[in-house]
Amino acid sequence: MHHQTVRRPSFLPSPTHARHHSASDVPTEVLDEHPEIEELFAPLSQLLTGEKMQELNARVDVDGEDYTTVALDFLQEENLIPD
């Protein structure tokens, strides 16, 4: 069985509260081959604070909203994608 090595991109904070942490681990070989990934995700990681993640998660878990709708709303509100 092959275990893939993963590395947390340097722009991401350490996952002290993993339940509300915005980052996903990226395979080391992917970051090595595509270092621009860190640059692309930096603005998003700065916007997805623990408080913001709790708010977004509550919209899904408590209010019953569809996670796709919540994600699209967030991205549009932050002008990361067009309306």
N, C-alpha and C. Protein backbone atom coordinates (compact mmCIF):
# COMPACT_ATOMS: atom_id res chain seq x y z
N MET A 1 0.83 -1.17 0.00
CA MET A 1 0.00 0.00 0.00
C MET A 1 0.89 1.24 0.00
N HIS A 2 0.63 2.16 -0.90
CA HIS A 2 1.42 3.37 -1.06
C HIS A 2 0.81 4.50 -0.24
N HIS A 3 1.63 5.13 0.60
CA HIS A 3 1.16 6.27 1.39
C HIS A 3 1.68 7.54 0.74
N GLN A 4 0.78 8.42 0.41
CA GLN A 4 1.13 9.67 -0.25
C GLN A 4 1.56 10.70 0.79
N THR A 5 2.68 11.35 0.52
CA THR A 5 3.17 12.40 1.40
C THR A 5 2.43 13.69 1.10
N VAL A 6 1.99 14.35 2.14
CA VAL A 6 1.31 15.63 1.95
C VAL A 6 2.03 16.71 2.75
N ARG A 7 1.95 17.92 2.24
CA ARG A 7 2.56 19.07 2.91
C ARG A 7 1.55 20.20 2.91
N ARG A 8 1.41 20.85 4.04
CA ARG A 8 0.51 21.99 4.13
C ARG A 8 1.22 23.17 3.49
N PRO A 9 0.58 23.81 2.50
CA PRO A 9 1.20 24.98 1.87
C PRO A 9 1.54 26.03 2.93
N SER A 10 2.63 26.75 2.71
CA SER A 10 3.15 27.67 3.72
C SER A 10 2.20 28.81 4.07
N PHE A 11 1.29 29.16 3.17
CA PHE A 11 0.38 30.26 3.47
C PHE A 11 -0.75 29.86 4.40
N LEU A 12 -0.88 28.58 4.67
CA LEU A 12 -2.00 28.11 5.50
C LEU A 12 -1.60 28.04 6.96
N PRO A 13 -2.47 28.47 7.85
CA PRO A 13 -2.18 28.35 9.27
C PRO A 13 -2.25 26.89 9.71
N SER A 14 -1.60 26.60 10.82
CA SER A 14 -1.67 25.22 11.32
C SER A 14 -3.10 24.93 11.75
N PRO A 15 -3.54 23.70 11.55
CA PRO A 15 -4.95 23.36 11.83
C PRO A 15 -5.22 23.09 13.30
N THR A 16 -5.30 24.15 14.10
CA THR A 16 -5.56 23.96 15.53
C THR A 16 -7.02 23.62 15.79
N HIS A 17 -7.90 24.07 14.93
CA HIS A 17 -9.32 23.74 15.03
C HIS A 17 -9.73 23.13 13.69
N ALA A 18 -9.33 21.90 13.47
CA ALA A 18 -9.51 21.26 12.16
C ALA A 18 -10.96 21.28 11.68
N ARG A 19 -11.91 21.23 12.58
CA ARG A 19 -13.30 21.18 12.17
C ARG A 19 -13.68 22.40 11.34
N HIS A 20 -13.09 23.55 11.64
CA HIS A 20 -13.42 24.78 10.94
C HIS A 20 -12.25 25.30 10.12
N HIS A 21 -11.28 24.46 9.86
CA HIS A 21 -10.09 24.90 9.13
C HIS A 21 -10.36 24.88 7.64
N SER A 22 -9.93 25.94 6.98
CA SER A 22 -10.25 26.11 5.56
C SER A 22 -9.37 25.33 4.62
N ALA A 23 -8.24 24.90 5.08
CA ALA A 23 -7.25 24.33 4.18
C ALA A 23 -7.40 22.84 4.01
N SER A 24 -7.02 22.39 2.87
CA SER A 24 -6.89 20.96 2.66
C SER A 24 -5.43 20.69 2.38
N ASP A 25 -4.99 19.50 2.71
CA ASP A 25 -3.60 19.15 2.45
C ASP A 25 -3.41 18.91 0.97
N VAL A 26 -2.24 19.28 0.50
CA VAL A 26 -1.90 19.13 -0.91
C VAL A 26 -0.73 18.16 -1.00
N PRO A 27 -0.81 17.16 -1.87
CA PRO A 27 0.31 16.23 -2.00
C PRO A 27 1.60 16.98 -2.32
N THR A 28 2.68 16.60 -1.65
CA THR A 28 3.98 17.25 -1.82
C THR A 28 4.39 17.32 -3.27
N GLU A 29 4.19 16.22 -3.99
CA GLU A 29 4.62 16.22 -5.39
C GLU A 29 3.83 17.22 -6.23
N VAL A 30 2.59 17.47 -5.86
CA VAL A 30 1.79 18.46 -6.59
C VAL A 30 2.34 19.86 -6.32
N LEU A 31 2.63 20.17 -5.06
CA LEU A 31 3.20 21.49 -4.74
C LEU A 31 4.58 21.66 -5.35
N ASP A 32 5.36 20.60 -5.38
CA ASP A 32 6.68 20.68 -6.01
C ASP A 32 6.58 20.97 -7.49
N GLU A 33 5.63 20.34 -8.16
CA GLU A 33 5.46 20.52 -9.60
C GLU A 33 4.72 21.81 -9.93
N HIS A 34 3.88 22.29 -9.01
CA HIS A 34 3.06 23.48 -9.27
C HIS A 34 3.10 24.43 -8.08
N PRO A 35 4.23 25.08 -7.84
CA PRO A 35 4.33 25.98 -6.69
C PRO A 35 3.37 27.17 -6.75
N GLU A 36 2.85 27.44 -7.94
CA GLU A 36 1.91 28.55 -8.09
C GLU A 36 0.59 28.30 -7.35
N ILE A 37 0.35 27.07 -6.95
CA ILE A 37 -0.87 26.74 -6.20
C ILE A 37 -0.95 27.58 -4.93
N GLU A 38 0.19 27.72 -4.25
CA GLU A 38 0.19 28.50 -3.01
C GLU A 38 -0.26 29.93 -3.27
N GLU A 39 0.22 30.52 -4.35
CA GLU A 39 -0.14 31.88 -4.71
C GLU A 39 -1.63 32.00 -5.06
N LEU A 40 -2.14 31.00 -5.77
CA LEU A 40 -3.54 31.03 -6.19
C LEU A 40 -4.51 30.96 -5.02
N PHE A 41 -4.16 30.17 -4.02
CA PHE A 41 -5.07 29.97 -2.90
C PHE A 41 -4.86 30.94 -1.74
N ALA A 42 -3.81 31.73 -1.78
CA ALA A 42 -3.52 32.66 -0.68
C ALA A 42 -4.68 33.60 -0.37
N PRO A 43 -5.28 34.27 -1.37
CA PRO A 43 -6.40 35.17 -1.05
C PRO A 43 -7.57 34.44 -0.38
N LEU A 44 -7.86 33.26 -0.84
CA LEU A 44 -8.97 32.49 -0.27
C LEU A 44 -8.68 32.10 1.17
N SER A 45 -7.46 31.65 1.43
CA SER A 45 -7.14 31.22 2.79
C SER A 45 -7.18 32.38 3.78
N GLN A 46 -6.88 33.59 3.31
CA GLN A 46 -6.94 34.76 4.19
C GLN A 46 -8.38 35.14 4.52
N LEU A 47 -9.28 34.86 3.61
CA LEU A 47 -10.70 35.20 3.82
C LEU A 47 -11.42 34.17 4.68
N LEU A 48 -10.97 32.93 4.62
CA LEU A 48 -11.65 31.85 5.35
C LEU A 48 -11.06 31.71 6.76
N THR A 49 -11.40 32.65 7.60
CA THR A 49 -10.97 32.60 8.99
C THR A 49 -11.78 31.53 9.73
N GLY A 50 -11.37 31.21 10.92
CA GLY A 50 -12.14 30.26 11.73
C GLY A 50 -13.57 30.73 11.94
N GLU A 51 -13.72 32.02 12.21
CA GLU A 51 -15.06 32.59 12.41
C GLU A 51 -15.91 32.48 11.15
N LYS A 52 -15.32 32.77 10.00
CA LYS A 52 -16.05 32.68 8.74
C LYS A 52 -16.44 31.23 8.46
N MET A 53 -15.53 30.29 8.73
CA MET A 53 -15.84 28.88 8.50
C MET A 53 -16.99 28.43 9.40
N GLN A 54 -17.01 28.88 10.64
CA GLN A 54 -18.11 28.54 11.54
C GLN A 54 -19.43 29.07 10.99
N GLU A 55 -19.39 30.29 10.49
CA GLU A 55 -20.59 30.90 9.91
C GLU A 55 -21.08 30.11 8.70
N LEU A 56 -20.17 29.77 7.81
CA LEU A 56 -20.55 29.02 6.60
C LEU A 56 -21.03 27.62 6.95
N ASN A 57 -20.33 26.97 7.88
CA ASN A 57 -20.74 25.62 8.30
C ASN A 57 -22.12 25.64 8.95
N ALA A 58 -22.41 26.68 9.73
CA ALA A 58 -23.73 26.79 10.37
C ALA A 58 -24.83 26.93 9.34
N ARG A 59 -24.55 27.63 8.26
CA ARG A 59 -25.55 27.77 7.20
C ARG A 59 -25.92 26.40 6.62
N VAL A 60 -24.94 25.51 6.58
CA VAL A 60 -25.19 24.16 6.05
C VAL A 60 -25.76 23.26 7.15
N ASP A 61 -25.03 23.16 8.28
CA ASP A 61 -25.38 22.20 9.33
C ASP A 61 -26.62 22.59 10.14
N VAL A 62 -26.81 23.87 10.39
CA VAL A 62 -27.92 24.33 11.23
C VAL A 62 -29.11 24.77 10.39
N ASP A 63 -28.82 25.60 9.38
CA ASP A 63 -29.90 26.16 8.57
C ASP A 63 -30.35 25.24 7.44
N GLY A 64 -29.55 24.20 7.16
CA GLY A 64 -29.92 23.24 6.13
C GLY A 64 -29.72 23.69 4.70
N GLU A 65 -28.92 24.74 4.51
CA GLU A 65 -28.65 25.20 3.14
C GLU A 65 -27.73 24.20 2.44
N ASP A 66 -27.83 24.16 1.14
CA ASP A 66 -26.96 23.31 0.33
C ASP A 66 -25.54 23.87 0.36
N TYR A 67 -24.55 23.00 0.57
CA TYR A 67 -23.17 23.46 0.68
C TYR A 67 -22.68 24.14 -0.59
N THR A 68 -23.18 23.72 -1.75
CA THR A 68 -22.78 24.36 -3.00
C THR A 68 -23.27 25.80 -3.05
N THR A 69 -24.49 26.02 -2.63
CA THR A 69 -25.06 27.38 -2.59
C THR A 69 -24.27 28.26 -1.63
N VAL A 70 -23.95 27.73 -0.46
CA VAL A 70 -23.19 28.49 0.53
C VAL A 70 -21.82 28.86 -0.02
N ALA A 71 -21.15 27.91 -0.64
CA ALA A 71 -19.82 28.17 -1.21
C ALA A 71 -19.89 29.21 -2.32
N LEU A 72 -20.85 29.06 -3.22
CA LEU A 72 -20.99 30.03 -4.32
C LEU A 72 -21.32 31.42 -3.79
N ASP A 73 -22.21 31.50 -2.81
CA ASP A 73 -22.53 32.79 -2.20
C ASP A 73 -21.28 33.46 -1.65
N PHE A 74 -20.49 32.70 -0.91
CA PHE A 74 -19.26 33.24 -0.32
C PHE A 74 -18.31 33.74 -1.40
N LEU A 75 -18.06 32.92 -2.41
CA LEU A 75 -17.13 33.30 -3.47
C LEU A 75 -17.61 34.54 -4.22
N GLN A 76 -18.90 34.65 -4.44
CA GLN A 76 -19.45 35.82 -5.12
C GLN A 76 -19.41 37.06 -4.23
N GLU A 77 -19.74 36.91 -2.96
CA GLU A 77 -19.70 38.04 -2.02
C GLU A 77 -18.29 38.61 -1.90
N GLU A 78 -17.30 37.75 -2.01
CA GLU A 78 -15.90 38.18 -1.89
C GLU A 78 -15.31 38.57 -3.25
N ASN A 79 -16.16 38.59 -4.28
CA ASN A 79 -15.73 38.94 -5.65
C ASN A 79 -14.61 38.05 -6.19
N LEU A 80 -14.64 36.78 -5.78
CA LEU A 80 -13.67 35.82 -6.29
C LEU A 80 -14.16 35.16 -7.57
N ILE A 81 -15.48 35.16 -7.75
CA ILE A 81 -16.10 34.69 -9.00
C ILE A 81 -17.23 35.65 -9.34
N PRO A 82 -17.59 35.74 -10.62
CA PRO A 82 -18.67 36.66 -10.99
C PRO A 82 -20.04 36.15 -10.51
N ASP A 83 -20.98 37.09 -10.35
CA ASP A 83 -22.36 36.73 -9.98
C ASP A 83 -23.02 35.97 -11.10
